[in-house]
Amino acid sequence: MRGATTTHELLRSRIAFVTVATLLLDAVASVLIFAFERHASGTRITNFGDAIFWTSTQLLTVSSQLPNPISTPARVLDVFLQAYAISVVAVLAGSFGAFFHRRGLERDPPAIASGPGT
């Protein structure tokens, strides 16, 4: 976390962006899920706390003990949340892979050939 290279700054900025975007999405999706599900017949998402819990667990890709939503708009949002969560995991994995690759190049730069036959 204390690294001062451009590579460290890029990784920190990517992680910060993903964190802020996910927190904002969690808040907005919680409001939407609550609005979609609160009057649905047979739903288990009956209050805003349930909506926050359910949305947060979907974004953490761990799911929850609450069943999936019942209303069509909430189901569409559920699919979007799952796709977002999987994409975030892939982006973070790629960011860390790029970080380690660049740090390796910074520590041990490749030899540059000076011409033919070298």
C-alpha atoms as a PDB file:
ATOM      1  CA  MET A   1       0.000   0.000   0.000  1.00  0.00           C
ATOM      2  CA  ARG A   2       2.950   2.329   0.458  1.00  0.00           C
ATOM      3  CA  GLY A   3       4.500   1.726  -2.937  1.00  0.00           C
ATOM      4  CA  ALA A   4       5.107   4.973  -4.777  1.00  0.00           C
ATOM      5  CA  THR A   5       5.613   3.736  -8.325  1.00  0.00           C
ATOM      6  CA  THR A   6       3.174   4.396 -11.142  1.00  0.00           C
ATOM      7  CA  THR A   7       2.348   0.697 -11.108  1.00  0.00           C
ATOM      8  CA  HIS A   8       1.274   0.913  -7.458  1.00  0.00           C
ATOM      9  CA  GLU A   9      -0.768   4.036  -8.147  1.00  0.00           C
ATOM     10  CA  LEU A  10      -2.584   2.330 -11.040  1.00  0.00           C
ATOM     11  CA  LEU A  11      -3.489  -0.665  -8.884  1.00  0.00           C
ATOM     12  CA  ARG A  12      -4.679   1.562  -6.024  1.00  0.00           C
ATOM     13  CA  SER A  13      -6.804   3.665  -8.367  1.00  0.00           C
ATOM     14  CA  ARG A  14      -8.406   0.584  -9.939  1.00  0.00           C
ATOM     15  CA  ILE A  15      -9.228  -0.900  -6.548  1.00  0.00           C
ATOM     16  CA  ALA A  16     -10.608   2.428  -5.312  1.00  0.00           C
ATOM     17  CA  PHE A  17     -12.776   2.837  -8.424  1.00  0.00           C
ATOM     18  CA  VAL A  18     -14.191  -0.683  -8.168  1.00  0.00           C
ATOM     19  CA  THR A  19     -14.863  -0.229  -4.444  1.00  0.00           C
ATOM     20  CA  VAL A  20     -16.700   3.082  -4.858  1.00  0.00           C
ATOM     21  CA  ALA A  21     -18.656   1.832  -7.892  1.00  0.00           C
ATOM     22  CA  THR A  22     -19.691  -1.312  -6.024  1.00  0.00           C
ATOM     23  CA  LEU A  23     -20.803   0.614  -2.931  1.00  0.00           C
ATOM     24  CA  LEU A  24     -22.865   2.984  -5.076  1.00  0.00           C
ATOM     25  CA  LEU A  25     -24.378   0.081  -7.003  1.00  0.00           C
ATOM     26  CA  ASP A  26     -25.164  -1.677  -3.716  1.00  0.00           C
ATOM     27  CA  ALA A  27     -27.063   1.378  -2.442  1.00  0.00           C
ATOM     28  CA  VAL A  28     -29.005   1.953  -5.671  1.00  0.00           C
ATOM     29  CA  ALA A  29     -29.782  -1.741  -6.194  1.00  0.00           C
ATOM     30  CA  SER A  30     -30.966  -2.090  -2.587  1.00  0.00           C
ATOM     31  CA  VAL A  31     -33.483   0.700  -3.102  1.00  0.00           C
ATOM     32  CA  LEU A  32     -34.625  -0.830  -6.396  1.00  0.00           C
ATOM     33  CA  ILE A  33     -34.947  -4.365  -5.014  1.00  0.00           C
ATOM     34  CA  PHE A  34     -36.952  -3.054  -2.074  1.00  0.00           C
ATOM     35  CA  ALA A  35     -39.218  -1.090  -4.414  1.00  0.00           C
ATOM     36  CA  PHE A  36     -39.711  -4.077  -6.735  1.00  0.00           C
ATOM     37  CA  GLU A  37     -40.191  -6.732  -4.059  1.00  0.00           C
ATOM     38  CA  ARG A  38     -41.878  -5.128  -1.071  1.00  0.00           C
ATOM     39  CA  HIS A  39     -45.402  -5.745  -2.366  1.00  0.00           C
ATOM     40  CA  ALA A  40     -44.708  -8.945  -4.300  1.00  0.00           C
ATOM     41  CA  SER A  41     -46.761 -11.896  -3.119  1.00  0.00           C
ATOM     42  CA  GLY A  42     -44.622 -14.529  -1.392  1.00  0.00           C
ATOM     43  CA  THR A  43     -41.388 -12.531  -1.294  1.00  0.00           C
ATOM     44  CA  ARG A  44     -38.979 -12.783   1.624  1.00  0.00           C
ATOM     45  CA  ILE A  45     -37.527  -9.319   0.983  1.00  0.00           C
ATOM     46  CA  THR A  46     -40.030  -7.406   3.093  1.00  0.00           C
ATOM     47  CA  ASN A  47     -38.035  -4.483   4.513  1.00  0.00           C
ATOM     48  CA  PHE A  48     -35.109  -2.303   3.507  1.00  0.00           C
ATOM     49  CA  GLY A  49     -32.711  -4.239   5.744  1.00  0.00           C
ATOM     50  CA  ASP A  50     -33.533  -7.431   3.856  1.00  0.00           C
ATOM     51  CA  ALA A  51     -32.958  -5.578   0.575  1.00  0.00           C
ATOM     52  CA  ILE A  52     -29.530  -4.332   1.670  1.00  0.00           C
ATOM     53  CA  PHE A  53     -28.556  -7.771   2.970  1.00  0.00           C
ATOM     54  CA  TRP A  54     -29.722  -9.572  -0.149  1.00  0.00           C
ATOM     55  CA  THR A  55     -28.094  -7.092  -2.559  1.00  0.00           C
ATOM     56  CA  SER A  56     -24.800  -7.051  -0.659  1.00  0.00           C
ATOM     57  CA  THR A  57     -24.553 -10.836  -0.612  1.00  0.00           C
ATOM     58  CA  GLN A  58     -25.302 -10.968  -4.350  1.00  0.00           C
ATOM     59  CA  LEU A  59     -22.502  -8.481  -5.031  1.00  0.00           C
ATOM     60  CA  LEU A  60     -20.129 -10.478  -2.835  1.00  0.00           C
ATOM     61  CA  THR A  61     -21.000 -13.551  -4.943  1.00  0.00           C
ATOM     62  CA  VAL A  62     -21.824 -15.532  -1.812  1.00  0.00           C
ATOM     63  CA  SER A  63     -25.617 -15.379  -2.194  1.00  0.00           C
ATOM     64  CA  SER A  64     -27.815 -15.502   0.896  1.00  0.00           C
ATOM     65  CA  GLN A  65     -30.361 -17.632   2.657  1.00  0.00           C
ATOM     66  CA  LEU A  66     -33.080 -15.380   1.225  1.00  0.00           C
ATOM     67  CA  PRO A  67     -34.639 -16.836  -1.908  1.00  0.00           C
ATOM     68  CA  ASN A  68     -34.249 -15.078  -5.224  1.00  0.00           C
ATOM     69  CA  PRO A  69     -36.666 -12.274  -6.056  1.00  0.00           C
ATOM     70  CA  ILE A  70     -40.131 -12.994  -7.382  1.00  0.00           C
ATOM     71  CA  SER A  71     -40.976  -9.943  -9.500  1.00  0.00           C
ATOM     72  CA  THR A  72     -39.713  -9.718 -13.075  1.00  0.00           C
ATOM     73  CA  PRO A  73     -37.877  -6.374 -12.688  1.00  0.00           C
ATOM     74  CA  ALA A  74     -36.116  -7.675  -9.578  1.00  0.00           C
ATOM     75  CA  ARG A  75     -35.070 -10.838 -11.401  1.00  0.00           C
ATOM     76  CA  VAL A  76     -33.607  -8.764 -14.240  1.00  0.00           C
ATOM     77  CA  LEU A  77     -31.709  -6.693 -11.655  1.00  0.00           C
ATOM     78  CA  ASP A  78     -30.528  -9.919 -10.008  1.00  0.00           C
ATOM     79  CA  VAL A  79     -29.007 -11.132 -13.278  1.00  0.00           C
ATOM     80  CA  PHE A  80     -27.297  -7.762 -13.757  1.00  0.00           C
ATOM     81  CA  LEU A  81     -25.894  -7.868 -10.185  1.00  0.00           C
ATOM     82  CA  GLN A  82     -24.525 -11.368 -10.707  1.00  0.00           C
ATOM     83  CA  ALA A  83     -22.916 -10.392 -14.020  1.00  0.00           C
ATOM     84  CA  TYR A  84     -21.429  -7.293 -12.371  1.00  0.00           C
ATOM     85  CA  ALA A  85     -20.036  -9.320  -9.471  1.00  0.00           C
ATOM     86  CA  ILE A  86     -18.389 -11.850 -11.785  1.00  0.00           C
ATOM     87  CA  SER A  87     -16.977  -9.024 -13.912  1.00  0.00           C
ATOM     88  CA  VAL A  88     -15.513  -7.288 -10.858  1.00  0.00           C
ATOM     89  CA  VAL A  89     -13.752 -10.483  -9.802  1.00  0.00           C
ATOM     90  CA  ALA A  90     -12.312 -10.818 -13.315  1.00  0.00           C
ATOM     91  CA  VAL A  91     -11.244  -7.147 -13.411  1.00  0.00           C
ATOM     92  CA  LEU A  92      -9.536  -7.423 -10.033  1.00  0.00           C
ATOM     93  CA  ALA A  93      -7.766 -10.635 -11.039  1.00  0.00           C
ATOM     94  CA  GLY A  94      -6.577  -8.970 -14.243  1.00  0.00           C
ATOM     95  CA  SER A  95      -5.484  -5.854 -12.349  1.00  0.00           C
ATOM     96  CA  PHE A  96      -3.393  -7.882  -9.938  1.00  0.00           C
ATOM     97  CA  GLY A  97      -1.951  -9.924 -12.818  1.00  0.00           C
ATOM     98  CA  ALA A  98      -0.990  -6.726 -14.657  1.00  0.00           C
ATOM     99  CA  PHE A  99       0.460  -5.299 -11.445  1.00  0.00           C
ATOM    100  CA  PHE A 100       2.731  -8.288 -10.836  1.00  0.00           C
ATOM    101  CA  HIS A 101       3.771  -8.390 -14.493  1.00  0.00           C
ATOM    102  CA  ARG A 102       4.705  -4.689 -14.514  1.00  0.00           C
ATOM    103  CA  ARG A 103       6.503  -4.939 -11.175  1.00  0.00           C
ATOM    104  CA  GLY A 104       8.498  -7.843 -12.559  1.00  0.00           C
ATOM    105  CA  LEU A 105       9.493  -5.749 -15.574  1.00  0.00           C
ATOM    106  CA  GLU A 106      10.408  -2.821 -13.322  1.00  0.00           C
ATOM    107  CA  ARG A 107      12.649  -4.997 -11.168  1.00  0.00           C
ATOM    108  CA  ASP A 108      14.221  -6.995 -13.988  1.00  0.00           C
ATOM    109  CA  PRO A 109      13.886  -5.141 -17.314  1.00  0.00           C
ATOM    110  CA  PRO A 110      14.261  -7.308 -20.418  1.00  0.00           C
ATOM    111  CA  ALA A 111      17.503  -7.043 -22.336  1.00  0.00           C
ATOM    112  CA  ILE A 112      17.059  -4.935 -25.455  1.00  0.00           C
ATOM    113  CA  ALA A 113      18.785  -6.241 -28.564  1.00  0.00           C
ATOM    114  CA  SER A 114      20.916  -3.584 -30.239  1.00  0.00           C
ATOM    115  CA  GLY A 115      20.659  -4.962 -33.746  1.00  0.00           C
ATOM    116  CA  PRO A 116      20.736  -8.025 -35.993  1.00  0.00           C
ATOM    117  CA  GLY A 117      22.934 -10.859 -34.827  1.00  0.00           C
ATOM    118  CA  THR A 118      23.162  -9.576 -31.273  1.00  0.00           C
END
